[in-house]
Amino acid sequence: MNSLIDALYFYAQKSQAFRYLQTAEYRRAVSHIEEDWEEFRATLTAEQGKQLDGLLTQEAQITHLEDEASFCSALSIGLTLGRL
């Protein structure tokens, strides 16, 4: 069952999620955060930049695990509702 959930998760991420993010609000938020990151990174030393990259990598891994957990929960709810 885990391989099915994994396949569905990756399909949703690659083929479906982008459709829900095609909003002006999302594009504005991404644009602003990218500008803010560029300005912030310009103030860091090389060592600070490496430390930040390490922390961001760890945070991205945690976010991925949280996203998978949310997806699995939603899928479980959907399957349960489908049985009703």
N, C-alpha and C. Protein backbone atom coordinates (compact mmCIF):
# COMPACT_ATOMS: atom_id res chain seq x y z
N MET A 1 0.82 -1.19 0.00
CA MET A 1 0.00 0.00 0.00
C MET A 1 0.86 1.25 0.00
N ASN A 2 2.02 1.20 0.65
CA ASN A 2 2.89 2.38 0.69
C ASN A 2 3.35 2.80 -0.70
N SER A 3 3.63 1.83 -1.58
CA SER A 3 4.08 2.20 -2.93
C SER A 3 2.94 2.86 -3.71
N LEU A 4 1.69 2.43 -3.47
CA LEU A 4 0.55 3.09 -4.11
C LEU A 4 0.42 4.52 -3.62
N ILE A 5 0.52 4.71 -2.32
CA ILE A 5 0.43 6.06 -1.76
C ILE A 5 1.57 6.92 -2.28
N ASP A 6 2.77 6.38 -2.34
CA ASP A 6 3.91 7.13 -2.87
C ASP A 6 3.66 7.54 -4.33
N ALA A 7 3.17 6.60 -5.13
CA ALA A 7 2.91 6.90 -6.54
C ALA A 7 1.84 7.99 -6.68
N LEU A 8 0.78 7.88 -5.89
CA LEU A 8 -0.28 8.89 -5.94
C LEU A 8 0.24 10.25 -5.48
N TYR A 9 1.05 10.25 -4.43
CA TYR A 9 1.60 11.51 -3.91
C TYR A 9 2.46 12.19 -4.98
N PHE A 10 3.36 11.45 -5.59
CA PHE A 10 4.24 12.05 -6.59
C PHE A 10 3.46 12.48 -7.83
N TYR A 11 2.43 11.73 -8.20
CA TYR A 11 1.57 12.14 -9.31
C TYR A 11 0.88 13.46 -8.97
N ALA A 12 0.33 13.55 -7.78
CA ALA A 12 -0.36 14.78 -7.36
C ALA A 12 0.61 15.95 -7.35
N GLN A 13 1.81 15.76 -6.84
CA GLN A 13 2.79 16.84 -6.78
C GLN A 13 3.23 17.30 -8.16
N LYS A 14 3.47 16.35 -9.05
CA LYS A 14 4.01 16.69 -10.37
C LYS A 14 2.93 17.10 -11.37
N SER A 15 1.74 16.53 -11.25
CA SER A 15 0.74 16.72 -12.29
C SER A 15 -0.49 17.51 -11.87
N GLN A 16 -0.73 17.65 -10.60
CA GLN A 16 -1.98 18.25 -10.17
C GLN A 16 -1.82 19.53 -9.35
N ALA A 17 -0.89 19.54 -8.42
CA ALA A 17 -0.78 20.64 -7.46
C ALA A 17 -0.59 22.00 -8.14
N PHE A 18 0.17 22.03 -9.22
CA PHE A 18 0.44 23.31 -9.88
C PHE A 18 -0.84 24.00 -10.33
N ARG A 19 -1.86 23.22 -10.67
CA ARG A 19 -3.12 23.83 -11.12
C ARG A 19 -3.79 24.63 -10.01
N TYR A 20 -3.59 24.20 -8.78
CA TYR A 20 -4.19 24.91 -7.65
C TYR A 20 -3.36 26.11 -7.22
N LEU A 21 -2.16 26.20 -7.76
CA LEU A 21 -1.28 27.32 -7.41
C LEU A 21 -1.21 28.38 -8.50
N GLN A 22 -2.03 28.28 -9.51
CA GLN A 22 -2.03 29.24 -10.61
C GLN A 22 -2.95 30.42 -10.28
N THR A 23 -2.60 31.12 -9.22
CA THR A 23 -3.38 32.28 -8.82
C THR A 23 -2.47 33.50 -8.74
N ALA A 24 -3.07 34.66 -8.90
CA ALA A 24 -2.29 35.90 -8.79
C ALA A 24 -1.72 36.05 -7.38
N GLU A 25 -2.49 35.65 -6.40
CA GLU A 25 -2.04 35.74 -5.00
C GLU A 25 -0.78 34.92 -4.78
N TYR A 26 -0.76 33.70 -5.29
CA TYR A 26 0.41 32.83 -5.14
C TYR A 26 1.61 33.41 -5.86
N ARG A 27 1.42 33.86 -7.10
CA ARG A 27 2.53 34.41 -7.87
C ARG A 27 3.12 35.65 -7.19
N ARG A 28 2.24 36.52 -6.64
CA ARG A 28 2.73 37.71 -5.91
C ARG A 28 3.55 37.30 -4.69
N ALA A 29 3.05 36.33 -3.95
CA ALA A 29 3.75 35.88 -2.74
C ALA A 29 5.12 35.31 -3.09
N VAL A 30 5.19 34.52 -4.14
CA VAL A 30 6.47 33.93 -4.56
C VAL A 30 7.43 35.02 -5.00
N SER A 31 6.94 35.97 -5.76
CA SER A 31 7.78 37.05 -6.24
C SER A 31 8.35 37.86 -5.08
N HIS A 32 7.51 38.19 -4.11
CA HIS A 32 7.97 38.97 -2.96
C HIS A 32 8.99 38.20 -2.14
N ILE A 33 8.74 36.95 -1.91
CA ILE A 33 9.67 36.18 -1.07
C ILE A 33 11.01 35.99 -1.78
N GLU A 34 10.99 35.82 -3.09
CA GLU A 34 12.25 35.70 -3.83
C GLU A 34 13.07 36.98 -3.73
N GLU A 35 12.41 38.12 -3.86
CA GLU A 35 13.10 39.40 -3.73
C GLU A 35 13.68 39.57 -2.33
N ASP A 36 12.89 39.22 -1.32
CA ASP A 36 13.35 39.35 0.06
C ASP A 36 14.54 38.44 0.34
N TRP A 37 14.50 37.20 -0.20
CA TRP A 37 15.62 36.28 0.00
C TRP A 37 16.89 36.83 -0.65
N GLU A 38 16.77 37.37 -1.85
CA GLU A 38 17.95 37.93 -2.53
C GLU A 38 18.57 39.05 -1.70
N GLU A 39 17.74 39.93 -1.20
CA GLU A 39 18.23 41.04 -0.38
C GLU A 39 18.88 40.52 0.91
N PHE A 40 18.25 39.55 1.54
CA PHE A 40 18.77 39.00 2.78
C PHE A 40 20.10 38.28 2.55
N ARG A 41 20.16 37.44 1.53
CA ARG A 41 21.39 36.69 1.25
C ARG A 41 22.56 37.62 0.94
N ALA A 42 22.29 38.76 0.37
CA ALA A 42 23.35 39.72 0.05
C ALA A 42 24.03 40.25 1.32
N THR A 43 23.37 40.14 2.46
CA THR A 43 23.93 40.65 3.70
C THR A 43 24.75 39.59 4.45
N LEU A 44 24.74 38.33 3.97
CA LEU A 44 25.40 37.24 4.68
C LEU A 44 26.83 37.04 4.22
N THR A 45 27.65 36.55 5.15
CA THR A 45 28.99 36.11 4.78
C THR A 45 28.88 34.74 4.13
N ALA A 46 29.97 34.27 3.53
CA ALA A 46 29.96 32.96 2.89
C ALA A 46 29.62 31.86 3.90
N GLU A 47 30.20 31.94 5.08
CA GLU A 47 29.94 30.94 6.12
C GLU A 47 28.48 30.97 6.57
N GLN A 48 27.96 32.15 6.76
CA GLN A 48 26.55 32.27 7.14
C GLN A 48 25.64 31.72 6.04
N GLY A 49 26.02 31.95 4.80
CA GLY A 49 25.25 31.41 3.67
C GLY A 49 25.22 29.90 3.68
N LYS A 50 26.36 29.28 4.00
CA LYS A 50 26.43 27.81 4.08
C LYS A 50 25.57 27.29 5.23
N GLN A 51 25.63 27.97 6.36
CA GLN A 51 24.80 27.55 7.50
C GLN A 51 23.32 27.67 7.18
N LEU A 52 22.97 28.76 6.53
CA LEU A 52 21.58 28.98 6.15
C LEU A 52 21.12 27.90 5.17
N ASP A 53 21.95 27.58 4.20
CA ASP A 53 21.60 26.54 3.23
C ASP A 53 21.35 25.20 3.92
N GLY A 54 22.18 24.88 4.90
CA GLY A 54 22.00 23.64 5.66
C GLY A 54 20.68 23.61 6.41
N LEU A 55 20.38 24.72 7.06
CA LEU A 55 19.11 24.82 7.78
C LEU A 55 17.91 24.75 6.84
N LEU A 56 18.02 25.41 5.71
CA LEU A 56 16.92 25.39 4.74
C LEU A 56 16.72 23.99 4.16
N THR A 57 17.80 23.25 3.96
CA THR A 57 17.70 21.87 3.48
C THR A 57 16.96 21.01 4.50
N GLN A 58 17.32 21.16 5.76
CA GLN A 58 16.64 20.40 6.82
C GLN A 58 15.16 20.78 6.89
N GLU A 59 14.88 22.06 6.78
CA GLU A 59 13.49 22.52 6.83
C GLU A 59 12.70 21.98 5.64
N ALA A 60 13.33 21.94 4.47
CA ALA A 60 12.65 21.41 3.27
C ALA A 60 12.32 19.93 3.45
N GLN A 61 13.23 19.18 4.08
CA GLN A 61 12.97 17.76 4.33
C GLN A 61 11.79 17.58 5.28
N ILE A 62 11.74 18.40 6.30
CA ILE A 62 10.62 18.32 7.26
C ILE A 62 9.31 18.72 6.58
N THR A 63 9.35 19.77 5.78
CA THR A 63 8.15 20.20 5.06
C THR A 63 7.66 19.10 4.13
N HIS A 64 8.58 18.42 3.47
CA HIS A 64 8.21 17.32 2.58
C HIS A 64 7.50 16.21 3.37
N LEU A 65 8.03 15.87 4.52
CA LEU A 65 7.40 14.84 5.36
C LEU A 65 6.01 15.28 5.82
N GLU A 66 5.88 16.55 6.17
CA GLU A 66 4.58 17.08 6.58
C GLU A 66 3.58 17.07 5.42
N ASP A 67 4.06 17.42 4.23
CA ASP A 67 3.20 17.39 3.04
C ASP A 67 2.73 15.97 2.75
N GLU A 68 3.63 15.02 2.85
CA GLU A 68 3.26 13.62 2.64
C GLU A 68 2.23 13.16 3.66
N ALA A 69 2.41 13.56 4.91
CA ALA A 69 1.46 13.18 5.96
C ALA A 69 0.09 13.79 5.69
N SER A 70 0.05 15.04 5.27
CA SER A 70 -1.22 15.68 4.93
C SER A 70 -1.88 14.98 3.76
N PHE A 71 -1.09 14.65 2.74
CA PHE A 71 -1.63 13.96 1.58
C PHE A 71 -2.20 12.60 1.97
N CYS A 72 -1.46 11.85 2.77
CA CYS A 72 -1.93 10.53 3.21
C CYS A 72 -3.21 10.65 4.02
N SER A 73 -3.30 11.65 4.85
CA SER A 73 -4.51 11.88 5.63
C SER A 73 -5.69 12.19 4.72
N ALA A 74 -5.48 13.07 3.76
CA ALA A 74 -6.55 13.43 2.83
C ALA A 74 -6.96 12.23 1.98
N LEU A 75 -6.00 11.45 1.54
CA LEU A 75 -6.31 10.26 0.76
C LEU A 75 -7.11 9.26 1.58
N SER A 76 -6.72 9.09 2.83
CA SER A 76 -7.44 8.19 3.72
C SER A 76 -8.88 8.65 3.91
N ILE A 77 -9.08 9.94 4.10
CA ILE A 77 -10.43 10.48 4.25
C ILE A 77 -11.23 10.24 2.96
N GLY A 78 -10.59 10.50 1.82
CA GLY A 78 -11.27 10.30 0.54
C GLY A 78 -11.67 8.85 0.33
N LEU A 79 -10.77 7.94 0.66
CA LEU A 79 -11.10 6.51 0.52
C LEU A 79 -12.24 6.11 1.44
N THR A 80 -12.22 6.61 2.66
CA THR A 80 -13.29 6.31 3.61
C THR A 80 -14.62 6.86 3.12
N LEU A 81 -14.62 8.09 2.64
CA LEU A 81 -15.85 8.68 2.11
C LEU A 81 -16.35 7.93 0.87
N GLY A 82 -15.41 7.43 0.07
CA GLY A 82 -15.79 6.68 -1.11
C GLY A 82 -16.47 5.37 -0.80
N ARG A 83 -16.22 4.83 0.37
CA ARG A 83 -16.84 3.58 0.78
C ARG A 83 -18.24 3.77 1.31
N LEU A 84 -18.62 5.00 1.64
CA LEU A 84 -19.94 5.25 2.22
C LEU A 84 -21.05 5.11 1.21
